[in-house]
Amino acid sequence: MKVCNAHLLTHRERQIIECLAQGWTTKEIAGKLYISHHTVDSHRKNVCTKLGAKSSFQLGACAERLGLIIHDFTRPNQSWSF
């Protein structure tokens, strides 16, 4: 796996990672961001390529190291906006 570098990611790619970390499906992400599910898949593939992740687990681990995923266990089901 490559060294994780958050500067490689676009704002939209970061949004996709955040949604994935929340456990959203591709269809849910597409609806929330008003984009096609194909576009969500493309962003996910681009993020994996940029970060050198070969699996969703590696993608999540890298995103967590970069601080792109923030766990707030005091507020389950918290809502947030883009």
N, C-alpha and C. Protein backbone atom coordinates (compact mmCIF):
# COMPACT_ATOMS: atom_id res chain seq x y z
N MET A 1 0.84 -1.17 0.00
CA MET A 1 0.00 0.00 0.00
C MET A 1 0.89 1.24 0.00
N LYS A 2 0.51 2.26 -0.77
CA LYS A 2 1.25 3.50 -0.83
C LYS A 2 1.12 4.26 0.49
N VAL A 3 2.00 5.24 0.66
CA VAL A 3 1.87 6.12 1.81
C VAL A 3 0.63 6.98 1.59
N CYS A 4 -0.22 7.04 2.59
CA CYS A 4 -1.47 7.80 2.48
C CYS A 4 -1.17 9.29 2.41
N ASN A 5 -1.77 9.97 1.46
CA ASN A 5 -1.58 11.40 1.30
C ASN A 5 -2.92 12.05 0.99
N ALA A 6 -3.49 12.73 1.97
CA ALA A 6 -4.81 13.34 1.82
C ALA A 6 -4.82 14.44 0.77
N HIS A 7 -3.67 15.02 0.48
CA HIS A 7 -3.62 16.11 -0.49
C HIS A 7 -3.92 15.64 -1.91
N LEU A 8 -3.87 14.35 -2.13
CA LEU A 8 -4.17 13.80 -3.44
C LEU A 8 -5.66 13.77 -3.73
N LEU A 9 -6.49 13.87 -2.70
CA LEU A 9 -7.92 13.67 -2.85
C LEU A 9 -8.67 14.97 -3.10
N THR A 10 -9.68 14.88 -3.96
CA THR A 10 -10.54 16.03 -4.20
C THR A 10 -11.57 16.13 -3.07
N HIS A 11 -12.24 17.27 -3.02
CA HIS A 11 -13.28 17.46 -2.00
C HIS A 11 -14.36 16.39 -2.13
N ARG A 12 -14.77 16.09 -3.34
CA ARG A 12 -15.82 15.10 -3.58
C ARG A 12 -15.36 13.71 -3.13
N GLU A 13 -14.10 13.38 -3.40
CA GLU A 13 -13.58 12.08 -2.97
C GLU A 13 -13.58 11.97 -1.45
N ARG A 14 -13.29 13.06 -0.77
CA ARG A 14 -13.34 13.07 0.70
C ARG A 14 -14.77 12.86 1.18
N GLN A 15 -15.72 13.47 0.49
CA GLN A 15 -17.12 13.28 0.85
C GLN A 15 -17.53 11.82 0.71
N ILE A 16 -17.08 11.19 -0.36
CA ILE A 16 -17.39 9.77 -0.59
C ILE A 16 -16.82 8.92 0.54
N ILE A 17 -15.59 9.19 0.94
CA ILE A 17 -14.96 8.44 2.03
C ILE A 17 -15.77 8.60 3.32
N GLU A 18 -16.17 9.83 3.62
CA GLU A 18 -16.95 10.08 4.83
C GLU A 18 -18.25 9.28 4.82
N CYS A 19 -18.91 9.27 3.68
CA CYS A 19 -20.17 8.53 3.56
C CYS A 19 -19.94 7.03 3.71
N LEU A 20 -18.90 6.53 3.10
CA LEU A 20 -18.58 5.10 3.23
C LEU A 20 -18.29 4.75 4.68
N ALA A 21 -17.59 5.63 5.35
CA ALA A 21 -17.25 5.39 6.76
C ALA A 21 -18.50 5.35 7.63
N GLN A 22 -19.53 6.05 7.22
CA GLN A 22 -20.79 6.05 7.95
C GLN A 22 -21.63 4.81 7.63
N GLY A 23 -21.14 4.00 6.67
CA GLY A 23 -21.84 2.78 6.32
C GLY A 23 -22.91 2.94 5.26
N TRP A 24 -22.87 4.06 4.56
CA TRP A 24 -23.86 4.31 3.51
C TRP A 24 -23.59 3.44 2.30
N THR A 25 -24.64 3.06 1.62
CA THR A 25 -24.51 2.29 0.38
C THR A 25 -24.21 3.25 -0.76
N THR A 26 -23.79 2.70 -1.88
CA THR A 26 -23.53 3.51 -3.07
C THR A 26 -24.79 4.27 -3.47
N LYS A 27 -25.93 3.61 -3.42
CA LYS A 27 -27.18 4.25 -3.79
C LYS A 27 -27.52 5.41 -2.85
N GLU A 28 -27.29 5.22 -1.56
CA GLU A 28 -27.55 6.28 -0.58
C GLU A 28 -26.63 7.48 -0.80
N ILE A 29 -25.37 7.20 -1.08
CA ILE A 29 -24.40 8.28 -1.33
C ILE A 29 -24.81 9.05 -2.58
N ALA A 30 -25.17 8.33 -3.62
CA ALA A 30 -25.58 8.96 -4.87
C ALA A 30 -26.77 9.89 -4.64
N GLY A 31 -27.74 9.43 -3.87
CA GLY A 31 -28.91 10.25 -3.59
C GLY A 31 -28.59 11.48 -2.78
N LYS A 32 -27.73 11.33 -1.76
CA LYS A 32 -27.36 12.45 -0.90
C LYS A 32 -26.58 13.51 -1.66
N LEU A 33 -25.70 13.07 -2.55
CA LEU A 33 -24.84 14.01 -3.28
C LEU A 33 -25.38 14.40 -4.65
N TYR A 34 -26.55 13.86 -5.00
CA TYR A 34 -27.19 14.16 -6.29
C TYR A 34 -26.30 13.81 -7.48
N ILE A 35 -25.71 12.62 -7.40
CA ILE A 35 -24.88 12.12 -8.50
C ILE A 35 -25.30 10.68 -8.80
N SER A 36 -24.84 10.16 -9.92
CA SER A 36 -25.14 8.79 -10.32
C SER A 36 -24.37 7.80 -9.44
N HIS A 37 -24.96 6.61 -9.28
CA HIS A 37 -24.23 5.58 -8.53
C HIS A 37 -22.96 5.17 -9.27
N HIS A 38 -22.96 5.33 -10.59
CA HIS A 38 -21.74 5.05 -11.37
C HIS A 38 -20.63 6.05 -11.00
N THR A 39 -21.03 7.29 -10.76
CA THR A 39 -20.07 8.32 -10.38
C THR A 39 -19.49 8.02 -8.99
N VAL A 40 -20.33 7.55 -8.09
CA VAL A 40 -19.86 7.16 -6.76
C VAL A 40 -18.82 6.05 -6.89
N ASP A 41 -19.12 5.05 -7.72
CA ASP A 41 -18.17 3.95 -7.93
C ASP A 41 -16.86 4.45 -8.51
N SER A 42 -16.95 5.40 -9.45
CA SER A 42 -15.73 5.95 -10.05
C SER A 42 -14.89 6.68 -9.02
N HIS A 43 -15.54 7.47 -8.17
CA HIS A 43 -14.81 8.18 -7.11
C HIS A 43 -14.14 7.18 -6.16
N ARG A 44 -14.87 6.14 -5.79
CA ARG A 44 -14.31 5.13 -4.89
C ARG A 44 -13.08 4.48 -5.52
N LYS A 45 -13.17 4.12 -6.78
CA LYS A 45 -12.02 3.50 -7.47
C LYS A 45 -10.85 4.47 -7.55
N ASN A 46 -11.13 5.74 -7.83
CA ASN A 46 -10.06 6.74 -7.90
C ASN A 46 -9.37 6.92 -6.56
N VAL A 47 -10.15 6.93 -5.49
CA VAL A 47 -9.57 7.06 -4.15
C VAL A 47 -8.68 5.87 -3.85
N CYS A 48 -9.16 4.67 -4.14
CA CYS A 48 -8.36 3.47 -3.90
C CYS A 48 -7.06 3.52 -4.69
N THR A 49 -7.13 3.97 -5.93
CA THR A 49 -5.92 4.08 -6.76
C THR A 49 -4.95 5.11 -6.18
N LYS A 50 -5.47 6.28 -5.84
CA LYS A 50 -4.62 7.34 -5.31
C LYS A 50 -3.95 6.95 -4.00
N LEU A 51 -4.67 6.22 -3.16
CA LEU A 51 -4.13 5.85 -1.86
C LEU A 51 -3.47 4.48 -1.86
N GLY A 52 -3.56 3.77 -2.98
CA GLY A 52 -2.93 2.46 -3.07
C GLY A 52 -3.66 1.39 -2.29
N ALA A 53 -4.94 1.61 -2.02
CA ALA A 53 -5.73 0.65 -1.25
C ALA A 53 -6.26 -0.43 -2.19
N LYS A 54 -6.11 -1.68 -1.78
CA LYS A 54 -6.58 -2.80 -2.59
C LYS A 54 -7.88 -3.37 -2.07
N SER A 55 -8.37 -2.83 -0.96
CA SER A 55 -9.62 -3.32 -0.39
C SER A 55 -10.31 -2.18 0.35
N SER A 56 -11.57 -2.39 0.66
CA SER A 56 -12.31 -1.40 1.44
C SER A 56 -11.69 -1.24 2.82
N PHE A 57 -11.19 -2.33 3.37
CA PHE A 57 -10.55 -2.28 4.68
C PHE A 57 -9.32 -1.37 4.64
N GLN A 58 -8.47 -1.55 3.64
CA GLN A 58 -7.29 -0.71 3.50
C GLN A 58 -7.68 0.75 3.29
N LEU A 59 -8.72 0.98 2.50
CA LEU A 59 -9.19 2.34 2.27
C LEU A 59 -9.62 2.98 3.58
N GLY A 60 -10.39 2.25 4.37
CA GLY A 60 -10.84 2.77 5.67
C GLY A 60 -9.69 3.03 6.62
N ALA A 61 -8.73 2.12 6.66
CA ALA A 61 -7.57 2.28 7.54
C ALA A 61 -6.76 3.51 7.16
N CYS A 62 -6.55 3.70 5.88
CA CYS A 62 -5.79 4.85 5.40
C CYS A 62 -6.55 6.15 5.70
N ALA A 63 -7.84 6.15 5.45
CA ALA A 63 -8.66 7.34 5.70
C ALA A 63 -8.65 7.70 7.18
N GLU A 64 -8.65 6.69 8.04
CA GLU A 64 -8.61 6.95 9.48
C GLU A 64 -7.26 7.55 9.89
N ARG A 65 -6.17 7.02 9.34
CA ARG A 65 -4.83 7.56 9.65
C ARG A 65 -4.71 9.02 9.21
N LEU A 66 -5.39 9.35 8.13
CA LEU A 66 -5.32 10.72 7.60
C LEU A 66 -6.26 11.67 8.34
N GLY A 67 -7.06 11.13 9.22
CA GLY A 67 -8.00 11.97 9.94
C GLY A 67 -9.24 12.30 9.13
N LEU A 68 -9.48 11.54 8.07
CA LEU A 68 -10.65 11.78 7.23
C LEU A 68 -11.90 11.15 7.82
N ILE A 69 -11.70 10.21 8.72
CA ILE A 69 -12.81 9.56 9.40
C ILE A 69 -12.71 9.94 10.86
N ILE A 70 -13.75 10.56 11.36
CA ILE A 70 -13.78 10.99 12.75
C ILE A 70 -14.84 10.20 13.47
N HIS A 71 -14.44 9.49 14.50
CA HIS A 71 -15.37 8.70 15.29
C HIS A 71 -15.83 9.53 16.48
N ASP A 72 -17.13 9.70 16.60
CA ASP A 72 -17.70 10.40 17.74
C ASP A 72 -18.65 9.43 18.42
N PHE A 73 -18.12 8.67 19.36
CA PHE A 73 -18.92 7.65 20.02
C PHE A 73 -19.90 8.23 21.03
N THR A 74 -19.77 9.52 21.30
CA THR A 74 -20.70 10.16 22.23
C THR A 74 -22.00 10.55 21.55
N ARG A 75 -22.00 10.61 20.23
CA ARG A 75 -23.19 11.02 19.50
C ARG A 75 -23.50 10.02 18.38
N PRO A 76 -24.02 8.86 18.70
CA PRO A 76 -24.37 7.92 17.65
C PRO A 76 -25.46 8.48 16.76
N ASN A 77 -25.45 8.10 15.50
CA ASN A 77 -26.42 8.56 14.52
C ASN A 77 -26.42 10.06 14.35
N GLN A 78 -25.27 10.69 14.53
CA GLN A 78 -25.21 12.13 14.38
C GLN A 78 -25.45 12.51 12.94
N SER A 79 -26.04 13.65 12.73
CA SER A 79 -26.24 14.12 11.37
C SER A 79 -25.19 15.18 11.07
N TRP A 80 -24.81 15.28 9.84
CA TRP A 80 -23.81 16.26 9.43
C TRP A 80 -24.12 16.64 8.00
N SER A 81 -23.62 17.77 7.61
CA SER A 81 -23.89 18.23 6.26
C SER A 81 -22.60 18.51 5.53
N PHE A 82 -22.72 18.67 4.22
CA PHE A 82 -21.55 18.94 3.39
C PHE A 82 -21.44 20.40 3.21
